N, C-alpha and C. Protein backbone atom coordinates (compact mmCIF):
# COMPACT_ATOMS: atom_id res chain seq x y z
N MET A 1 4.61 -23.30 -23.52
CA MET A 1 4.53 -22.59 -22.25
C MET A 1 3.41 -21.52 -22.27
N ARG A 2 3.33 -20.86 -23.43
CA ARG A 2 2.27 -19.80 -23.55
C ARG A 2 0.87 -20.43 -23.44
N GLU A 3 0.72 -21.62 -24.05
CA GLU A 3 -0.58 -22.29 -23.98
C GLU A 3 -0.90 -22.72 -22.55
N LEU A 4 0.13 -23.18 -21.84
CA LEU A 4 -0.08 -23.55 -20.44
C LEU A 4 -0.51 -22.40 -19.56
N LEU A 5 0.11 -21.29 -19.76
CA LEU A 5 -0.23 -20.07 -19.06
C LEU A 5 -1.63 -19.64 -19.39
N ALA A 6 -2.00 -19.66 -20.67
CA ALA A 6 -3.33 -19.27 -21.11
C ALA A 6 -4.40 -20.25 -20.53
N ALA A 7 -4.10 -21.52 -20.43
CA ALA A 7 -5.04 -22.50 -19.89
C ALA A 7 -5.21 -22.27 -18.38
N ALA A 8 -4.09 -21.98 -17.68
CA ALA A 8 -4.15 -21.75 -16.26
C ALA A 8 -4.97 -20.45 -15.98
N LEU A 9 -4.76 -19.43 -16.80
CA LEU A 9 -5.50 -18.19 -16.62
C LEU A 9 -6.98 -18.41 -16.90
N GLU A 10 -7.30 -19.18 -17.94
CA GLU A 10 -8.73 -19.48 -18.21
C GLU A 10 -9.36 -20.26 -17.06
N THR A 11 -8.64 -21.20 -16.50
CA THR A 11 -9.13 -21.99 -15.39
C THR A 11 -9.38 -21.08 -14.18
N TRP A 12 -8.47 -20.17 -13.94
CA TRP A 12 -8.62 -19.22 -12.83
C TRP A 12 -9.84 -18.31 -12.99
N VAL A 13 -10.02 -17.80 -14.20
CA VAL A 13 -11.14 -16.86 -14.48
C VAL A 13 -12.43 -17.63 -14.29
N SER A 14 -12.56 -18.85 -14.76
CA SER A 14 -13.75 -19.66 -14.60
C SER A 14 -14.02 -19.95 -13.10
N PHE A 15 -12.99 -20.36 -12.40
CA PHE A 15 -13.10 -20.64 -10.95
C PHE A 15 -13.55 -19.43 -10.18
N PHE A 16 -12.86 -18.26 -10.44
CA PHE A 16 -13.15 -17.04 -9.77
C PHE A 16 -14.56 -16.61 -10.05
N SER A 17 -15.01 -16.69 -11.29
CA SER A 17 -16.32 -16.23 -11.71
C SER A 17 -17.41 -17.04 -11.05
N ASN A 18 -17.20 -18.35 -10.79
CA ASN A 18 -18.20 -19.21 -10.30
C ASN A 18 -18.13 -19.53 -8.78
N GLN A 19 -17.24 -18.85 -8.09
CA GLN A 19 -17.13 -19.07 -6.65
C GLN A 19 -17.27 -17.77 -5.88
N PRO A 20 -18.49 -17.41 -5.46
CA PRO A 20 -18.69 -16.19 -4.76
C PRO A 20 -17.88 -16.05 -3.46
N ILE A 21 -17.66 -17.17 -2.78
CA ILE A 21 -16.89 -17.15 -1.56
C ILE A 21 -15.43 -16.73 -1.90
N VAL A 22 -14.89 -17.24 -2.95
CA VAL A 22 -13.54 -16.94 -3.37
C VAL A 22 -13.42 -15.42 -3.70
N ARG A 23 -14.39 -14.98 -4.49
CA ARG A 23 -14.38 -13.50 -4.82
C ARG A 23 -14.48 -12.67 -3.56
N THR A 24 -15.30 -13.11 -2.66
CA THR A 24 -15.47 -12.35 -1.34
C THR A 24 -14.18 -12.37 -0.57
N LEU A 25 -13.57 -13.51 -0.44
CA LEU A 25 -12.30 -13.60 0.35
C LEU A 25 -11.16 -12.81 -0.28
N ILE A 26 -11.05 -12.87 -1.56
CA ILE A 26 -9.97 -12.12 -2.22
C ILE A 26 -10.27 -10.62 -2.15
N GLY A 27 -11.49 -10.25 -2.32
CA GLY A 27 -11.83 -8.84 -2.16
C GLY A 27 -11.60 -8.34 -0.74
N PHE A 28 -11.87 -9.26 0.23
CA PHE A 28 -11.62 -8.88 1.63
C PHE A 28 -10.11 -8.70 1.88
N LEU A 29 -9.32 -9.65 1.33
CA LEU A 29 -7.89 -9.57 1.51
C LEU A 29 -7.36 -8.24 0.96
N HIS A 30 -7.94 -7.80 -0.17
CA HIS A 30 -7.52 -6.55 -0.80
C HIS A 30 -7.88 -5.33 0.06
N VAL A 31 -9.16 -5.30 0.47
CA VAL A 31 -9.63 -4.18 1.27
C VAL A 31 -9.07 -4.30 2.68
N GLY A 32 -9.01 -5.48 3.26
CA GLY A 32 -8.51 -5.61 4.58
C GLY A 32 -7.02 -5.25 4.66
N GLY A 33 -6.27 -5.59 3.60
CA GLY A 33 -4.85 -5.16 3.56
C GLY A 33 -4.75 -3.64 3.50
N LEU A 34 -5.61 -3.04 2.77
CA LEU A 34 -5.68 -1.59 2.68
C LEU A 34 -6.02 -0.98 4.04
N LEU A 35 -7.00 -1.55 4.68
CA LEU A 35 -7.44 -1.05 5.98
C LEU A 35 -6.31 -1.16 7.02
N ALA A 36 -5.66 -2.37 7.10
CA ALA A 36 -4.63 -2.61 8.09
C ALA A 36 -3.38 -1.84 7.71
N GLY A 37 -2.85 -2.04 6.54
CA GLY A 37 -1.60 -1.34 6.12
C GLY A 37 -1.72 0.15 6.02
N GLY A 38 -2.75 0.55 5.28
CA GLY A 38 -2.93 1.99 5.06
C GLY A 38 -3.33 2.67 6.36
N GLY A 39 -4.24 2.04 7.16
CA GLY A 39 -4.66 2.69 8.38
C GLY A 39 -3.48 2.91 9.36
N CYS A 40 -2.69 1.85 9.53
CA CYS A 40 -1.53 2.00 10.42
C CYS A 40 -0.53 3.00 9.87
N ALA A 41 -0.33 2.98 8.55
CA ALA A 41 0.59 3.90 7.98
C ALA A 41 0.15 5.36 8.16
N ILE A 42 -1.13 5.61 7.90
CA ILE A 42 -1.64 6.99 8.07
C ILE A 42 -1.62 7.42 9.53
N TYR A 43 -1.91 6.53 10.46
CA TYR A 43 -1.86 6.84 11.88
C TYR A 43 -0.40 7.20 12.24
N ALA A 44 0.56 6.35 11.79
CA ALA A 44 1.95 6.59 12.09
C ALA A 44 2.43 7.86 11.46
N ASP A 45 2.05 8.14 10.21
CA ASP A 45 2.46 9.34 9.52
C ASP A 45 1.99 10.59 10.27
N ARG A 46 0.73 10.54 10.70
CA ARG A 46 0.20 11.68 11.47
C ARG A 46 0.93 11.88 12.75
N ALA A 47 1.24 10.78 13.47
CA ALA A 47 2.00 10.87 14.71
C ALA A 47 3.40 11.44 14.45
N LEU A 48 4.05 11.05 13.39
CA LEU A 48 5.37 11.58 13.09
C LEU A 48 5.34 13.05 12.77
N ILE A 49 4.33 13.46 12.01
CA ILE A 49 4.19 14.88 11.72
C ILE A 49 4.03 15.67 12.99
N MET A 50 3.19 15.19 13.86
CA MET A 50 2.98 15.90 15.15
C MET A 50 4.25 15.85 16.06
N ALA A 51 4.94 14.70 16.05
CA ALA A 51 6.16 14.58 16.89
C ALA A 51 7.27 15.50 16.38
N GLY A 52 7.23 15.83 15.13
CA GLY A 52 8.26 16.73 14.55
C GLY A 52 8.25 18.11 15.23
N GLN A 53 7.15 18.45 15.83
CA GLN A 53 6.99 19.71 16.46
C GLN A 53 7.36 19.64 18.01
N LEU A 54 7.70 18.44 18.46
CA LEU A 54 7.92 18.22 19.90
C LEU A 54 9.39 18.11 20.22
N GLY A 55 9.69 17.80 21.44
CA GLY A 55 11.07 17.70 21.95
C GLY A 55 11.73 16.37 21.58
N THR A 56 12.92 16.21 21.99
CA THR A 56 13.74 15.02 21.68
C THR A 56 13.15 13.77 22.26
N ALA A 57 12.73 13.79 23.50
CA ALA A 57 12.17 12.59 24.16
C ALA A 57 10.92 12.13 23.43
N GLU A 58 10.05 13.00 23.07
CA GLU A 58 8.80 12.62 22.40
C GLU A 58 9.11 12.09 21.02
N ARG A 59 10.12 12.69 20.35
CA ARG A 59 10.54 12.18 19.03
C ARG A 59 11.09 10.77 19.13
N ALA A 60 11.91 10.56 20.14
CA ALA A 60 12.50 9.20 20.28
C ALA A 60 11.41 8.17 20.57
N ALA A 61 10.41 8.53 21.39
CA ALA A 61 9.27 7.60 21.66
C ALA A 61 8.53 7.35 20.36
N GLN A 62 8.35 8.32 19.57
CA GLN A 62 7.58 8.13 18.32
C GLN A 62 8.42 7.26 17.37
N LEU A 63 9.70 7.41 17.30
CA LEU A 63 10.51 6.59 16.42
C LEU A 63 10.45 5.08 16.86
N GLN A 64 10.39 4.88 18.18
CA GLN A 64 10.27 3.53 18.72
C GLN A 64 8.88 2.92 18.33
N ALA A 65 7.87 3.73 18.44
CA ALA A 65 6.51 3.21 18.05
C ALA A 65 6.44 2.96 16.56
N LEU A 66 7.14 3.68 15.77
CA LEU A 66 7.16 3.53 14.33
C LEU A 66 7.65 2.14 13.91
N LYS A 67 8.62 1.65 14.63
CA LYS A 67 9.20 0.34 14.32
C LYS A 67 8.16 -0.79 14.29
N GLY A 68 7.23 -0.79 15.23
CA GLY A 68 6.21 -1.81 15.27
C GLY A 68 5.19 -1.69 14.15
N THR A 69 5.06 -0.47 13.59
CA THR A 69 4.13 -0.23 12.52
C THR A 69 4.62 -0.82 11.19
N HIS A 70 5.89 -0.82 10.97
CA HIS A 70 6.46 -1.33 9.67
C HIS A 70 5.90 -2.71 9.37
N ARG A 71 5.90 -3.64 10.32
CA ARG A 71 5.48 -5.01 10.05
C ARG A 71 4.05 -5.06 9.61
N ILE A 72 3.14 -4.27 10.27
CA ILE A 72 1.76 -4.27 9.91
C ILE A 72 1.54 -3.68 8.53
N VAL A 73 2.22 -2.59 8.22
CA VAL A 73 2.13 -1.94 6.90
C VAL A 73 2.62 -2.87 5.84
N LEU A 74 3.75 -3.52 6.05
CA LEU A 74 4.27 -4.48 5.04
C LEU A 74 3.36 -5.67 4.84
N ALA A 75 2.75 -6.21 5.96
CA ALA A 75 1.82 -7.30 5.83
C ALA A 75 0.55 -6.85 5.06
N GLY A 76 0.13 -5.66 5.30
CA GLY A 76 -1.02 -5.09 4.56
C GLY A 76 -0.69 -4.93 3.12
N LEU A 77 0.48 -4.43 2.80
CA LEU A 77 0.92 -4.26 1.40
C LEU A 77 1.03 -5.64 0.72
N ALA A 78 1.55 -6.63 1.38
CA ALA A 78 1.65 -7.99 0.83
C ALA A 78 0.29 -8.50 0.49
N SER A 79 -0.69 -8.34 1.42
CA SER A 79 -2.07 -8.81 1.21
C SER A 79 -2.68 -8.07 -0.04
N ILE A 80 -2.44 -6.80 -0.12
CA ILE A 80 -2.91 -5.99 -1.23
C ILE A 80 -2.35 -6.49 -2.55
N ILE A 81 -1.03 -6.72 -2.58
CA ILE A 81 -0.35 -7.12 -3.81
C ILE A 81 -0.76 -8.53 -4.24
N VAL A 82 -0.79 -9.51 -3.33
CA VAL A 82 -1.18 -10.86 -3.65
C VAL A 82 -2.63 -10.89 -4.13
N SER A 83 -3.54 -10.30 -3.35
CA SER A 83 -4.95 -10.32 -3.80
C SER A 83 -5.13 -9.55 -5.07
N GLY A 84 -4.39 -8.45 -5.24
CA GLY A 84 -4.42 -7.66 -6.47
C GLY A 84 -4.04 -8.46 -7.68
N LEU A 85 -3.00 -9.29 -7.53
CA LEU A 85 -2.64 -10.19 -8.67
C LEU A 85 -3.74 -11.15 -9.02
N PHE A 86 -4.44 -11.70 -8.01
CA PHE A 86 -5.54 -12.60 -8.30
C PHE A 86 -6.76 -11.82 -8.99
N LEU A 87 -6.99 -10.61 -8.50
CA LEU A 87 -8.05 -9.79 -9.11
C LEU A 87 -7.67 -9.43 -10.55
N PHE A 88 -6.43 -9.07 -10.74
CA PHE A 88 -5.92 -8.72 -12.10
C PHE A 88 -6.11 -9.91 -13.05
N ALA A 89 -5.73 -11.08 -12.59
CA ALA A 89 -5.79 -12.29 -13.44
C ALA A 89 -7.21 -12.66 -13.73
N ALA A 90 -8.15 -12.32 -12.84
CA ALA A 90 -9.57 -12.67 -13.04
C ALA A 90 -10.23 -11.81 -14.11
N ASP A 91 -9.69 -10.66 -14.37
CA ASP A 91 -10.26 -9.73 -15.34
C ASP A 91 -9.17 -9.03 -16.15
N LEU A 92 -8.34 -9.82 -16.70
CA LEU A 92 -7.13 -9.34 -17.46
C LEU A 92 -7.53 -8.34 -18.53
N GLU A 93 -8.52 -8.65 -19.30
CA GLU A 93 -8.91 -7.81 -20.41
C GLU A 93 -9.31 -6.37 -19.99
N THR A 94 -9.98 -6.31 -18.86
CA THR A 94 -10.37 -4.97 -18.35
C THR A 94 -9.17 -4.20 -17.84
N TYR A 95 -8.37 -4.81 -16.96
CA TYR A 95 -7.28 -4.12 -16.30
C TYR A 95 -6.11 -3.88 -17.18
N LEU A 96 -5.86 -4.77 -18.11
CA LEU A 96 -4.68 -4.58 -18.96
C LEU A 96 -4.75 -3.32 -19.73
N TYR A 97 -5.91 -2.86 -20.12
CA TYR A 97 -6.05 -1.72 -20.98
C TYR A 97 -6.61 -0.47 -20.23
N SER A 98 -6.76 -0.58 -18.91
CA SER A 98 -7.32 0.46 -18.11
C SER A 98 -6.30 1.48 -17.70
N LYS A 99 -6.41 2.77 -18.12
CA LYS A 99 -5.50 3.80 -17.66
C LYS A 99 -5.59 3.98 -16.19
N LEU A 100 -6.76 3.90 -15.65
CA LEU A 100 -6.95 4.08 -14.17
C LEU A 100 -6.22 2.98 -13.42
N PHE A 101 -6.27 1.75 -13.89
CA PHE A 101 -5.55 0.65 -13.26
C PHE A 101 -4.04 0.96 -13.23
N TRP A 102 -3.48 1.37 -14.39
CA TRP A 102 -2.06 1.63 -14.41
C TRP A 102 -1.68 2.87 -13.61
N THR A 103 -2.59 3.81 -13.53
CA THR A 103 -2.40 4.95 -12.64
C THR A 103 -2.27 4.45 -11.19
N LYS A 104 -3.19 3.57 -10.81
CA LYS A 104 -3.13 2.98 -9.48
C LYS A 104 -1.82 2.22 -9.24
N MET A 105 -1.39 1.50 -10.22
CA MET A 105 -0.10 0.75 -10.09
C MET A 105 1.04 1.70 -9.93
N GLY A 106 1.02 2.83 -10.69
CA GLY A 106 2.06 3.83 -10.54
C GLY A 106 2.05 4.43 -9.15
N LEU A 107 0.82 4.78 -8.65
CA LEU A 107 0.74 5.31 -7.30
C LEU A 107 1.24 4.32 -6.23
N THR A 108 0.95 3.04 -6.46
CA THR A 108 1.41 2.00 -5.57
C THR A 108 2.93 1.91 -5.56
N ALA A 109 3.47 2.00 -6.74
CA ALA A 109 4.97 2.02 -6.83
C ALA A 109 5.55 3.18 -6.10
N LEU A 110 4.95 4.35 -6.27
CA LEU A 110 5.43 5.58 -5.56
C LEU A 110 5.27 5.36 -4.05
N LEU A 111 4.22 4.74 -3.63
CA LEU A 111 4.03 4.47 -2.23
C LEU A 111 5.19 3.59 -1.66
N LEU A 112 5.57 2.60 -2.39
CA LEU A 112 6.66 1.75 -2.00
C LEU A 112 8.02 2.48 -1.98
N VAL A 113 8.25 3.27 -2.99
CA VAL A 113 9.46 4.11 -3.03
C VAL A 113 9.48 5.10 -1.88
N ASN A 114 8.34 5.74 -1.62
CA ASN A 114 8.28 6.67 -0.50
C ASN A 114 8.54 5.95 0.85
N GLY A 115 8.08 4.69 0.94
CA GLY A 115 8.36 3.93 2.15
C GLY A 115 9.82 3.70 2.38
N GLY A 116 10.53 3.47 1.27
CA GLY A 116 12.00 3.35 1.35
C GLY A 116 12.67 4.61 1.83
N PHE A 117 12.20 5.77 1.32
CA PHE A 117 12.69 7.07 1.76
C PHE A 117 12.37 7.29 3.23
N LEU A 118 11.18 6.87 3.68
CA LEU A 118 10.81 7.00 5.03
C LEU A 118 11.72 6.25 5.97
N ILE A 119 12.04 4.98 5.60
CA ILE A 119 12.94 4.17 6.38
C ILE A 119 14.34 4.85 6.46
N ARG A 120 14.84 5.33 5.32
CA ARG A 120 16.12 6.03 5.33
C ARG A 120 16.08 7.26 6.24
N ALA A 121 15.02 8.04 6.17
CA ALA A 121 14.88 9.21 7.05
C ALA A 121 14.78 8.78 8.50
N GLU A 122 14.10 7.70 8.77
CA GLU A 122 13.97 7.17 10.12
C GLU A 122 15.33 6.84 10.71
N ARG A 123 16.15 6.21 9.94
CA ARG A 123 17.53 5.85 10.37
C ARG A 123 18.37 7.08 10.66
N ARG A 124 18.21 8.11 9.80
CA ARG A 124 18.92 9.38 9.98
C ARG A 124 18.49 10.02 11.29
N ALA A 125 17.16 10.01 11.51
CA ALA A 125 16.62 10.67 12.72
C ALA A 125 17.10 9.91 13.98
N GLU A 126 17.13 8.58 13.90
CA GLU A 126 17.64 7.83 15.04
C GLU A 126 19.07 8.14 15.41
N ASN A 127 19.83 8.47 14.37
CA ASN A 127 21.23 8.88 14.62
C ASN A 127 21.41 10.36 14.96
N GLY A 128 20.32 11.07 15.17
CA GLY A 128 20.37 12.44 15.61
C GLY A 128 20.49 13.47 14.48
N ASP A 129 20.43 13.05 13.28
CA ASP A 129 20.50 13.96 12.14
C ASP A 129 19.19 14.72 11.96
N ALA A 130 19.30 16.09 12.08
CA ALA A 130 18.05 16.89 11.99
C ALA A 130 17.41 16.74 10.61
N ARG A 131 18.18 16.49 9.59
CA ARG A 131 17.59 16.28 8.26
C ARG A 131 16.72 15.04 8.24
N GLY A 132 17.00 14.11 9.15
CA GLY A 132 16.14 12.91 9.25
C GLY A 132 14.72 13.24 9.61
N TRP A 133 14.56 14.16 10.53
CA TRP A 133 13.19 14.57 10.92
C TRP A 133 12.49 15.36 9.83
N ARG A 134 13.22 16.19 9.15
CA ARG A 134 12.60 16.87 8.00
C ARG A 134 12.15 15.86 6.93
N GLY A 135 13.04 14.87 6.72
CA GLY A 135 12.69 13.83 5.73
C GLY A 135 11.52 12.99 6.22
N LEU A 136 11.43 12.68 7.52
CA LEU A 136 10.31 11.90 8.01
C LEU A 136 9.00 12.75 7.86
N MET A 137 9.06 13.99 8.12
CA MET A 137 7.82 14.83 7.99
C MET A 137 7.40 14.90 6.49
N MET A 138 8.40 15.04 5.61
CA MET A 138 8.06 15.12 4.17
C MET A 138 7.54 13.82 3.62
N THR A 139 8.17 12.72 4.01
CA THR A 139 7.73 11.42 3.54
C THR A 139 6.38 11.04 4.17
N SER A 140 6.11 11.49 5.38
CA SER A 140 4.83 11.20 6.03
C SER A 140 3.67 11.92 5.33
N VAL A 141 3.90 13.17 4.98
CA VAL A 141 2.88 13.88 4.24
C VAL A 141 2.63 13.25 2.90
N THR A 142 3.77 12.90 2.19
CA THR A 142 3.63 12.20 0.90
C THR A 142 2.90 10.90 1.03
N SER A 143 3.20 10.12 2.11
CA SER A 143 2.57 8.86 2.33
C SER A 143 1.04 8.99 2.48
N ILE A 144 0.62 9.90 3.30
CA ILE A 144 -0.81 10.14 3.50
C ILE A 144 -1.47 10.40 2.19
N LEU A 145 -0.88 11.35 1.41
CA LEU A 145 -1.44 11.67 0.11
C LEU A 145 -1.50 10.48 -0.83
N LEU A 146 -0.43 9.67 -0.87
CA LEU A 146 -0.39 8.53 -1.77
C LEU A 146 -1.38 7.42 -1.36
N TRP A 147 -1.55 7.19 -0.02
CA TRP A 147 -2.53 6.19 0.40
C TRP A 147 -3.93 6.58 -0.04
N PHE A 148 -4.26 7.85 0.10
CA PHE A 148 -5.59 8.28 -0.28
C PHE A 148 -5.77 8.30 -1.79
N LEU A 149 -4.78 8.74 -2.53
CA LEU A 149 -4.88 8.74 -4.02
C LEU A 149 -4.98 7.29 -4.58
N THR A 150 -4.20 6.38 -3.99
CA THR A 150 -4.24 4.96 -4.44
C THR A 150 -5.61 4.41 -4.13
N THR A 151 -6.17 4.71 -2.95
CA THR A 151 -7.52 4.25 -2.61
C THR A 151 -8.58 4.84 -3.58
N LEU A 152 -8.45 6.10 -3.90
CA LEU A 152 -9.36 6.72 -4.83
C LEU A 152 -9.28 6.07 -6.19
N ALA A 153 -8.07 5.75 -6.69
CA ALA A 153 -7.93 5.11 -7.96
C ALA A 153 -8.55 3.72 -7.91
N GLY A 154 -8.36 2.98 -6.82
CA GLY A 154 -8.95 1.66 -6.66
C GLY A 154 -10.49 1.71 -6.64
N SER A 155 -11.01 2.69 -5.96
CA SER A 155 -12.46 2.88 -5.92
C SER A 155 -13.03 3.21 -7.33
N GLY A 156 -12.28 3.95 -8.06
CA GLY A 156 -12.70 4.31 -9.37
C GLY A 156 -12.69 3.10 -10.31
N LEU A 157 -11.80 2.17 -10.06
CA LEU A 157 -11.74 0.93 -10.93
C LEU A 157 -13.08 0.23 -10.89
N VAL A 158 -13.68 0.16 -9.76
CA VAL A 158 -14.89 -0.58 -9.61
C VAL A 158 -16.03 0.11 -10.45
N ASN A 159 -16.02 1.42 -10.51
CA ASN A 159 -17.08 2.17 -11.17
C ASN A 159 -16.74 2.66 -12.56
N ILE A 160 -15.47 2.96 -12.78
CA ILE A 160 -15.08 3.52 -14.09
C ILE A 160 -14.41 2.52 -14.99
N GLY A 161 -13.52 1.67 -14.34
CA GLY A 161 -12.78 0.65 -15.10
C GLY A 161 -11.53 1.01 -15.68
């Protein structure tokens, strides 16, 4: 089994290295997922923070708008994760031992956990719980910070390794 996995990995590395269009498409899926998912998330986070200062009707409208954002953010994250696995497999030796890579993975995990907290806070806010809005504002600020830190770590991988 181990030999089969090693052979498959070797085949992928060779294919990836010799196919510029494949490298381009996978890189695009990674950056495009970041642009779509992260961009929508940051926009929604900013809107939630601002709505926290407004009245009940504005908050309800923002909660409704947030629901449509989840699908785009999740699709973006899926694109980032799938393309990231292909990129990881293409340069296993570099990424496996890179502290910056594992920092990025940790930040990505925190981003996913924070998203779970955001959804929980969203449900509380929909039910009229004031703690829900405080939670939404806190998770929104955290989300913005994590999206930017994760992007910084990813940018560093290209240059620092």
